Amino acid sequence: MRRLILAAAVTACSSAAFAGDVASVEILGFSADGSVFAFEEFGVQDGSGFPYANRYYIDTTNDRFLEGTPIRVRLDDEAAELTAARDAARAKGETIFPAAELGENRGFTAGWNAVTENSADPHRISVNPRPVIPPIDPTLEFQLEDVRLEQRAQCADLGDIVGFRLLRIAAEDGGTTRLIHEDKTIPESRRCPLGYRFGGVQTFHPQAGAPVFAVMIAVRQVGFEGPDYRWMAVTGQVAD
């Protein structure tokens, strides 16, 4: 019996030892005119136990970060509370864009697949942009592809490090499938990415302004104790 208990304990410890860090994500919302999209990722780092919170503010007209962002907070104290890291990131974010306006314009989560879901296609997603049944909008459909790029020295021997290509699939026969994004290099901020999968699609139809979307992408990275997941977004106009 003692041997069985010991074996179970060792198995449990072994499983925990190789647990990666999957960041939680929260959609913060859009500006009233849809020109800004923001989200937060947060969690506790595997290995160090340090809490972190990162906030991303994106100009949807050109898919670029607003000046002074992303906001990254990490509390280098394993006894620190995650709420403290989130509060610090929230305070810094308030100097970039008011949280109240984002909260009033959260938009619509047209599709969402957790990284733990096995039944959904991780590389293709198709949604009705808003909850109007029957739909009055063309379908929004995207395809995600890995792109092999030059391997960085710091990622050597950690597996095949890849970028990604994002395609917008034509909504109707005869339409043109368009390239939305393609990596030419891998940003340092992604560390050593092993792959990508769709997280979801957030849309917003402002009262004044063009409808916009944000494609949420989960990035699988080399972590300390196992693969980590971090988040990114690609934005654009629904009618493009």
C-alpha atoms as a PDB file:
ATOM      1  CA  MET A   1       0.000   0.000   0.000  1.00  0.00           C
ATOM      2  CA  ARG A   2       2.823   2.389   0.903  1.00  0.00           C
ATOM      3  CA  ARG A   3       4.450   1.675  -2.448  1.00  0.00           C
ATOM      4  CA  LEU A   4       1.186   2.432  -4.261  1.00  0.00           C
ATOM      5  CA  ILE A   5       0.759   5.732  -2.419  1.00  0.00           C
ATOM      6  CA  LEU A   6       4.372   6.685  -3.152  1.00  0.00           C
ATOM      7  CA  ALA A   7       3.966   5.847  -6.833  1.00  0.00           C
ATOM      8  CA  ALA A   8       0.802   7.954  -7.044  1.00  0.00           C
ATOM      9  CA  ALA A   9       2.559  10.865  -5.359  1.00  0.00           C
ATOM     10  CA  VAL A  10       5.508  10.645  -7.738  1.00  0.00           C
ATOM     11  CA  THR A  11       3.146  10.566 -10.726  1.00  0.00           C
ATOM     12  CA  ALA A  12       1.272  13.604  -9.442  1.00  0.00           C
ATOM     13  CA  CYS A  13       4.497  15.503  -8.836  1.00  0.00           C
ATOM     14  CA  SER A  14       5.819  14.567 -12.258  1.00  0.00           C
ATOM     15  CA  SER A  15       2.647  15.851 -13.924  1.00  0.00           C
ATOM     16  CA  ALA A  16       2.854  19.119 -12.011  1.00  0.00           C
ATOM     17  CA  ALA A  17       6.533  19.507 -12.856  1.00  0.00           C
ATOM     18  CA  PHE A  18       5.773  19.670 -16.563  1.00  0.00           C
ATOM     19  CA  ALA A  19       2.735  21.944 -16.355  1.00  0.00           C
ATOM     20  CA  GLY A  20       2.952  24.916 -18.698  1.00  0.00           C
ATOM     21  CA  ASP A  21       1.535  28.375 -18.134  1.00  0.00           C
ATOM     22  CA  VAL A  22      -1.669  29.095 -20.067  1.00  0.00           C
ATOM     23  CA  ALA A  23      -2.438  32.796 -19.753  1.00  0.00           C
ATOM     24  CA  SER A  24      -6.025  33.807 -19.126  1.00  0.00           C
ATOM     25  CA  VAL A  25      -7.405  36.429 -21.489  1.00  0.00           C
ATOM     26  CA  GLU A  26     -10.018  39.149 -21.032  1.00  0.00           C
ATOM     27  CA  ILE A  27     -11.474  41.264 -23.800  1.00  0.00           C
ATOM     28  CA  LEU A  28     -11.382  44.874 -22.558  1.00  0.00           C
ATOM     29  CA  GLY A  29     -13.338  46.300 -25.490  1.00  0.00           C
ATOM     30  CA  PHE A  30     -13.227  48.911 -28.226  1.00  0.00           C
ATOM     31  CA  SER A  31     -13.261  52.666 -28.445  1.00  0.00           C
ATOM     32  CA  ALA A  32     -16.699  54.093 -29.242  1.00  0.00           C
ATOM     33  CA  ASP A  33     -15.746  54.559 -32.909  1.00  0.00           C
ATOM     34  CA  GLY A  34     -14.051  51.155 -33.175  1.00  0.00           C
ATOM     35  CA  SER A  35     -10.608  52.609 -33.892  1.00  0.00           C
ATOM     36  CA  VAL A  36      -9.020  51.020 -30.793  1.00  0.00           C
ATOM     37  CA  PHE A  37      -9.212  47.439 -29.505  1.00  0.00           C
ATOM     38  CA  ALA A  38      -7.787  46.305 -26.176  1.00  0.00           C
ATOM     39  CA  PHE A  39      -7.362  43.041 -24.283  1.00  0.00           C
ATOM     40  CA  GLU A  40      -5.507  41.740 -21.239  1.00  0.00           C
ATOM     41  CA  GLU A  41      -3.654  38.489 -20.604  1.00  0.00           C
ATOM     42  CA  PHE A  42      -2.677  37.468 -17.106  1.00  0.00           C
ATOM     43  CA  GLY A  43      -1.512  34.548 -14.998  1.00  0.00           C
ATOM     44  CA  VAL A  44       1.315  33.124 -12.917  1.00  0.00           C
ATOM     45  CA  GLN A  45       4.570  32.152 -14.611  1.00  0.00           C
ATOM     46  CA  ASP A  46       5.535  28.515 -14.529  1.00  0.00           C
ATOM     47  CA  GLY A  47       8.855  27.997 -12.789  1.00  0.00           C
ATOM     48  CA  SER A  48       9.153  31.377 -11.047  1.00  0.00           C
ATOM     49  CA  GLY A  49       5.629  31.611  -9.654  1.00  0.00           C
ATOM     50  CA  PHE A  50       5.627  35.359 -10.446  1.00  0.00           C
ATOM     51  CA  PRO A  51       2.229  36.916 -11.272  1.00  0.00           C
ATOM     52  CA  TYR A  52       1.972  38.955 -14.475  1.00  0.00           C
ATOM     53  CA  ALA A  53      -0.560  41.028 -16.392  1.00  0.00           C
ATOM     54  CA  ASN A  54      -0.116  42.407 -19.899  1.00  0.00           C
ATOM     55  CA  ARG A  55      -2.433  44.844 -21.664  1.00  0.00           C
ATOM     56  CA  TYR A  56      -2.511  45.367 -25.429  1.00  0.00           C
ATOM     57  CA  TYR A  57      -4.021  48.417 -27.139  1.00  0.00           C
ATOM     58  CA  ILE A  58      -4.283  48.164 -30.931  1.00  0.00           C
ATOM     59  CA  ASP A  59      -5.147  50.743 -33.592  1.00  0.00           C
ATOM     60  CA  THR A  60      -7.643  48.815 -35.753  1.00  0.00           C
ATOM     61  CA  THR A  61      -7.044  51.067 -38.773  1.00  0.00           C
ATOM     62  CA  ASN A  62      -3.474  49.835 -39.228  1.00  0.00           C
ATOM     63  CA  ASP A  63      -3.219  46.884 -36.785  1.00  0.00           C
ATOM     64  CA  ARG A  64      -0.427  48.526 -34.787  1.00  0.00           C
ATOM     65  CA  PHE A  65       0.043  49.034 -31.069  1.00  0.00           C
ATOM     66  CA  LEU A  66      -0.785  52.422 -29.635  1.00  0.00           C
ATOM     67  CA  GLU A  67       2.257  54.400 -28.523  1.00  0.00           C
ATOM     68  CA  GLY A  68       3.424  53.341 -25.075  1.00  0.00           C
ATOM     69  CA  THR A  69       1.983  49.842 -25.340  1.00  0.00           C
ATOM     70  CA  PRO A  70       1.918  46.901 -24.767  1.00  0.00           C
ATOM     71  CA  ILE A  71       1.846  47.349 -21.001  1.00  0.00           C
ATOM     72  CA  ARG A  72       3.671  44.531 -19.217  1.00  0.00           C
ATOM     73  CA  VAL A  73       3.659  44.059 -15.461  1.00  0.00           C
ATOM     74  CA  ARG A  74       5.396  41.237 -13.606  1.00  0.00           C
ATOM     75  CA  LEU A  75       5.789  41.149  -9.838  1.00  0.00           C
ATOM     76  CA  ASP A  76       9.033  39.317  -9.093  1.00  0.00           C
ATOM     77  CA  ASP A  77       7.730  37.867  -5.865  1.00  0.00           C
ATOM     78  CA  GLU A  78       6.069  34.463  -5.762  1.00  0.00           C
ATOM     79  CA  ALA A  79       4.106  35.589  -2.690  1.00  0.00           C
ATOM     80  CA  ALA A  80       2.577  38.526  -4.596  1.00  0.00           C
ATOM     81  CA  GLU A  81      -1.096  38.332  -5.549  1.00  0.00           C
ATOM     82  CA  LEU A  82      -2.194  38.148  -9.167  1.00  0.00           C
ATOM     83  CA  THR A  83      -4.749  40.868  -8.437  1.00  0.00           C
ATOM     84  CA  ALA A  84      -1.870  43.228  -7.563  1.00  0.00           C
ATOM     85  CA  ALA A  85      -0.283  42.700 -10.991  1.00  0.00           C
ATOM     86  CA  ARG A  86      -3.630  43.231 -12.716  1.00  0.00           C
ATOM     87  CA  ASP A  87      -4.337  46.370 -10.708  1.00  0.00           C
ATOM     88  CA  ALA A  88      -0.939  47.797 -11.666  1.00  0.00           C
ATOM     89  CA  ALA A  89      -1.518  47.035 -15.355  1.00  0.00           C
ATOM     90  CA  ARG A  90      -5.005  48.544 -15.161  1.00  0.00           C
ATOM     91  CA  ALA A  91      -3.640  51.765 -13.644  1.00  0.00           C
ATOM     92  CA  LYS A  92      -1.018  52.082 -16.388  1.00  0.00           C
ATOM     93  CA  GLY A  93      -3.627  51.311 -19.037  1.00  0.00           C
ATOM     94  CA  GLU A  94      -5.808  54.156 -17.833  1.00  0.00           C
ATOM     95  CA  THR A  95      -3.119  56.588 -19.018  1.00  0.00           C
ATOM     96  CA  ILE A  96      -3.374  55.081 -22.510  1.00  0.00           C
ATOM     97  CA  PHE A  97      -7.135  54.798 -22.968  1.00  0.00           C
ATOM     98  CA  PRO A  98     -10.068  55.094 -20.527  1.00  0.00           C
ATOM     99  CA  ALA A  99     -11.280  51.707 -19.288  1.00  0.00           C
ATOM    100  CA  ALA A 100     -14.836  53.030 -18.937  1.00  0.00           C
ATOM    101  CA  GLU A 101     -15.162  53.625 -22.674  1.00  0.00           C
ATOM    102  CA  LEU A 102     -13.738  50.199 -23.480  1.00  0.00           C
ATOM    103  CA  GLY A 103     -16.149  48.562 -21.046  1.00  0.00           C
ATOM    104  CA  GLU A 104     -19.119  50.283 -22.647  1.00  0.00           C
ATOM    105  CA  ASN A 105     -18.106  48.987 -26.089  1.00  0.00           C
ATOM    106  CA  ARG A 106     -16.995  45.429 -25.460  1.00  0.00           C
ATOM    107  CA  GLY A 107     -18.360  44.193 -28.760  1.00  0.00           C
ATOM    108  CA  PHE A 108     -19.595  40.670 -29.499  1.00  0.00           C
ATOM    109  CA  THR A 109     -17.713  37.384 -29.044  1.00  0.00           C
ATOM    110  CA  ALA A 110     -18.691  35.823 -32.360  1.00  0.00           C
ATOM    111  CA  GLY A 111     -16.617  32.675 -31.766  1.00  0.00           C
ATOM    112  CA  TRP A 112     -14.397  31.257 -29.049  1.00  0.00           C
ATOM    113  CA  ASN A 113     -12.331  28.076 -28.696  1.00  0.00           C
ATOM    114  CA  ALA A 114     -10.414  27.391 -25.494  1.00  0.00           C
ATOM    115  CA  VAL A 115      -6.904  26.002 -25.973  1.00  0.00           C
ATOM    116  CA  THR A 116      -8.128  22.844 -24.233  1.00  0.00           C
ATOM    117  CA  GLU A 117     -10.885  22.198 -26.781  1.00  0.00           C
ATOM    118  CA  ASN A 118     -10.168  19.253 -29.068  1.00  0.00           C
ATOM    119  CA  SER A 119     -13.332  19.253 -31.177  1.00  0.00           C
ATOM    120  CA  ALA A 120     -12.815  22.621 -32.923  1.00  0.00           C
ATOM    121  CA  ASP A 121     -10.470  23.217 -35.840  1.00  0.00           C
ATOM    122  CA  PRO A 122      -7.565  25.166 -34.309  1.00  0.00           C
ATOM    123  CA  HIS A 123      -6.548  26.623 -37.677  1.00  0.00           C
ATOM    124  CA  ARG A 124      -9.862  27.625 -39.236  1.00  0.00           C
ATOM    125  CA  ILE A 125     -12.743  29.623 -37.794  1.00  0.00           C
ATOM    126  CA  SER A 126     -16.011  30.785 -39.363  1.00  0.00           C
ATOM    127  CA  VAL A 127     -18.509  33.063 -37.619  1.00  0.00           C
ATOM    128  CA  ASN A 128     -21.603  35.177 -38.085  1.00  0.00           C
ATOM    129  CA  PRO A 129     -20.252  38.642 -37.127  1.00  0.00           C
ATOM    130  CA  ARG A 130     -23.206  39.522 -34.878  1.00  0.00           C
ATOM    131  CA  PRO A 131     -26.172  37.766 -33.240  1.00  0.00           C
ATOM    132  CA  VAL A 132     -28.747  38.460 -35.940  1.00  0.00           C
ATOM    133  CA  ILE A 133     -30.667  35.319 -36.938  1.00  0.00           C
ATOM    134  CA  PRO A 134     -31.001  34.690 -39.839  1.00  0.00           C
ATOM    135  CA  PRO A 135     -27.688  36.411 -40.620  1.00  0.00           C
ATOM    136  CA  ILE A 136     -27.720  39.676 -42.537  1.00  0.00           C
ATOM    137  CA  ASP A 137     -23.912  39.917 -42.739  1.00  0.00           C
ATOM    138  CA  PRO A 138     -21.460  37.907 -44.840  1.00  0.00           C
ATOM    139  CA  THR A 139     -19.674  35.173 -42.914  1.00  0.00           C
ATOM    140  CA  LEU A 140     -16.319  36.042 -41.390  1.00  0.00           C
ATOM    141  CA  GLU A 141     -13.922  33.169 -42.001  1.00  0.00           C
ATOM    142  CA  PHE A 142     -10.193  32.929 -41.342  1.00  0.00           C
ATOM    143  CA  GLN A 143      -7.440  30.376 -41.861  1.00  0.00           C
ATOM    144  CA  LEU A 144      -4.217  30.178 -39.850  1.00  0.00           C
ATOM    145  CA  GLU A 145      -1.009  28.662 -41.234  1.00  0.00           C
ATOM    146  CA  ASP A 146       2.441  28.142 -39.746  1.00  0.00           C
ATOM    147  CA  VAL A 147       5.352  29.780 -41.572  1.00  0.00           C
ATOM    148  CA  ARG A 148       8.875  28.421 -41.286  1.00  0.00           C
ATOM    149  CA  LEU A 149      11.370  31.206 -40.723  1.00  0.00           C
ATOM    150  CA  GLU A 150      15.038  31.478 -39.854  1.00  0.00           C
ATOM    151  CA  GLN A 151      15.666  29.889 -36.478  1.00  0.00           C
ATOM    152  CA  ARG A 152      16.978  32.263 -33.812  1.00  0.00           C
ATOM    153  CA  ALA A 153      20.101  31.220 -31.920  1.00  0.00           C
ATOM    154  CA  GLN A 154      18.419  31.496 -28.512  1.00  0.00           C
ATOM    155  CA  CYS A 155      15.764  29.014 -29.667  1.00  0.00           C
ATOM    156  CA  ALA A 156      18.210  26.384 -30.910  1.00  0.00           C
ATOM    157  CA  ASP A 157      17.397  22.797 -29.922  1.00  0.00           C
ATOM    158  CA  LEU A 158      13.946  23.831 -28.627  1.00  0.00           C
ATOM    159  CA  GLY A 159      11.970  22.553 -31.601  1.00  0.00           C
ATOM    160  CA  ASP A 160      10.828  24.098 -34.874  1.00  0.00           C
ATOM    161  CA  ILE A 161      10.216  27.799 -34.213  1.00  0.00           C
ATOM    162  CA  VAL A 162       7.534  29.227 -36.517  1.00  0.00           C
ATOM    163  CA  GLY A 163       5.723  32.402 -37.500  1.00  0.00           C
ATOM    164  CA  PHE A 164       2.221  32.484 -38.933  1.00  0.00           C
ATOM    165  CA  ARG A 165       0.136  33.537 -41.907  1.00  0.00           C
ATOM    166  CA  LEU A 166      -3.491  34.672 -41.487  1.00  0.00           C
ATOM    167  CA  LEU A 167      -5.879  34.469 -44.439  1.00  0.00           C
ATOM    168  CA  ARG A 168      -9.386  35.836 -44.733  1.00  0.00           C
ATOM    169  CA  ILE A 169     -11.429  33.326 -46.684  1.00  0.00           C
ATOM    170  CA  ALA A 170     -13.835  34.660 -49.308  1.00  0.00           C
ATOM    171  CA  ALA A 171     -17.390  34.703 -47.962  1.00  0.00           C
ATOM    172  CA  GLU A 172     -18.978  33.838 -51.308  1.00  0.00           C
ATOM    173  CA  ASP A 173     -18.084  31.845 -54.406  1.00  0.00           C
ATOM    174  CA  GLY A 174     -16.038  33.996 -56.729  1.00  0.00           C
ATOM    175  CA  GLY A 175     -14.699  36.129 -53.904  1.00  0.00           C
ATOM    176  CA  THR A 176     -11.014  36.662 -53.267  1.00  0.00           C
ATOM    177  CA  THR A 177      -9.207  35.072 -50.345  1.00  0.00           C
ATOM    178  CA  ARG A 178      -6.941  37.759 -48.910  1.00  0.00           C
ATOM    179  CA  LEU A 179      -3.755  37.765 -46.892  1.00  0.00           C
ATOM    180  CA  ILE A 180      -4.317  39.602 -43.607  1.00  0.00           C
ATOM    181  CA  HIS A 181      -0.943  39.020 -41.977  1.00  0.00           C
ATOM    182  CA  GLU A 182       2.282  37.142 -42.709  1.00  0.00           C
ATOM    183  CA  ASP A 183       5.369  37.094 -40.514  1.00  0.00           C
ATOM    184  CA  LYS A 184       8.665  37.907 -42.146  1.00  0.00           C
ATOM    185  CA  THR A 185      10.523  37.610 -38.869  1.00  0.00           C
ATOM    186  CA  ILE A 186       9.521  36.464 -35.388  1.00  0.00           C
ATOM    187  CA  PRO A 187       9.292  39.294 -32.837  1.00  0.00           C
ATOM    188  CA  GLU A 188      11.439  38.881 -29.730  1.00  0.00           C
ATOM    189  CA  SER A 189       8.291  39.326 -27.620  1.00  0.00           C
ATOM    190  CA  ARG A 190       7.019  35.912 -28.772  1.00  0.00           C
ATOM    191  CA  ARG A 191      10.146  34.246 -27.404  1.00  0.00           C
ATOM    192  CA  CYS A 192      10.324  30.825 -29.105  1.00  0.00           C
ATOM    193  CA  PRO A 193       6.885  30.107 -30.668  1.00  0.00           C
ATOM    194  CA  LEU A 194       6.102  26.496 -31.488  1.00  0.00           C
ATOM    195  CA  GLY A 195       2.697  27.031 -33.087  1.00  0.00           C
ATOM    196  CA  TYR A 196      -0.546  28.982 -33.213  1.00  0.00           C
ATOM    197  CA  ARG A 197      -4.257  28.299 -32.885  1.00  0.00           C
ATOM    198  CA  PHE A 198      -7.422  30.356 -33.062  1.00  0.00           C
ATOM    199  CA  GLY A 199      -8.811  31.551 -29.768  1.00  0.00           C
ATOM    200  CA  GLY A 200     -11.768  33.478 -31.130  1.00  0.00           C
ATOM    201  CA  VAL A 201     -13.196  36.422 -33.023  1.00  0.00           C
ATOM    202  CA  GLN A 202     -14.464  39.604 -31.364  1.00  0.00           C
ATOM    203  CA  THR A 203     -16.519  42.041 -33.465  1.00  0.00           C
ATOM    204  CA  PHE A 204     -17.834  45.539 -32.906  1.00  0.00           C
ATOM    205  CA  HIS A 205     -20.404  47.537 -34.866  1.00  0.00           C
ATOM    206  CA  PRO A 206     -20.086  51.157 -33.728  1.00  0.00           C
ATOM    207  CA  GLN A 207     -22.971  53.575 -34.110  1.00  0.00           C
ATOM    208  CA  ALA A 208     -20.709  55.799 -36.183  1.00  0.00           C
ATOM    209  CA  GLY A 209     -17.850  54.160 -38.017  1.00  0.00           C
ATOM    210  CA  ALA A 210     -17.009  50.946 -39.838  1.00  0.00           C
ATOM    211  CA  PRO A 211     -17.571  47.557 -38.145  1.00  0.00           C
ATOM    212  CA  VAL A 212     -14.298  46.003 -36.984  1.00  0.00           C
ATOM    213  CA  PHE A 213     -12.977  42.614 -35.886  1.00  0.00           C
ATOM    214  CA  ALA A 214     -10.198  41.282 -33.692  1.00  0.00           C
ATOM    215  CA  VAL A 215      -8.955  37.755 -34.339  1.00  0.00           C
ATOM    216  CA  MET A 216      -7.586  36.328 -31.085  1.00  0.00           C
ATOM    217  CA  ILE A 217      -4.661  33.943 -31.572  1.00  0.00           C
ATOM    218  CA  ALA A 218      -3.136  31.717 -28.905  1.00  0.00           C
ATOM    219  CA  VAL A 219       0.641  31.414 -29.285  1.00  0.00           C
ATOM    220  CA  ARG A 220       2.247  28.192 -28.007  1.00  0.00           C
ATOM    221  CA  GLN A 221       5.742  28.986 -26.753  1.00  0.00           C
ATOM    222  CA  VAL A 222       8.634  27.185 -25.152  1.00  0.00           C
ATOM    223  CA  GLY A 223       8.161  27.583 -21.410  1.00  0.00           C
ATOM    224  CA  PHE A 224      10.157  26.752 -18.314  1.00  0.00           C
ATOM    225  CA  GLU A 225       8.223  23.667 -17.192  1.00  0.00           C
ATOM    226  CA  GLY A 226       6.278  22.948 -20.378  1.00  0.00           C
ATOM    227  CA  PRO A 227       4.673  24.759 -23.324  1.00  0.00           C
ATOM    228  CA  ASP A 228       3.209  28.162 -22.437  1.00  0.00           C
ATOM    229  CA  TYR A 229       0.320  29.931 -24.154  1.00  0.00           C
ATOM    230  CA  ARG A 230       0.252  33.675 -24.675  1.00  0.00           C
ATOM    231  CA  TRP A 231      -2.202  35.810 -26.649  1.00  0.00           C
ATOM    232  CA  MET A 232      -2.136  38.203 -29.573  1.00  0.00           C
ATOM    233  CA  ALA A 233      -4.730  39.850 -31.789  1.00  0.00           C
ATOM    234  CA  VAL A 234      -4.962  40.785 -35.456  1.00  0.00           C
ATOM    235  CA  THR A 235      -7.498  43.513 -36.216  1.00  0.00           C
ATOM    236  CA  GLY A 236      -9.254  44.852 -39.295  1.00  0.00           C
ATOM    237  CA  GLN A 237     -12.536  46.080 -40.754  1.00  0.00           C
ATOM    238  CA  VAL A 238     -15.385  43.633 -41.229  1.00  0.00           C
ATOM    239  CA  ALA A 239     -16.325  45.055 -44.632  1.00  0.00           C
ATOM    240  CA  ASP A 240     -12.804  44.891 -46.124  1.00  0.00           C
END
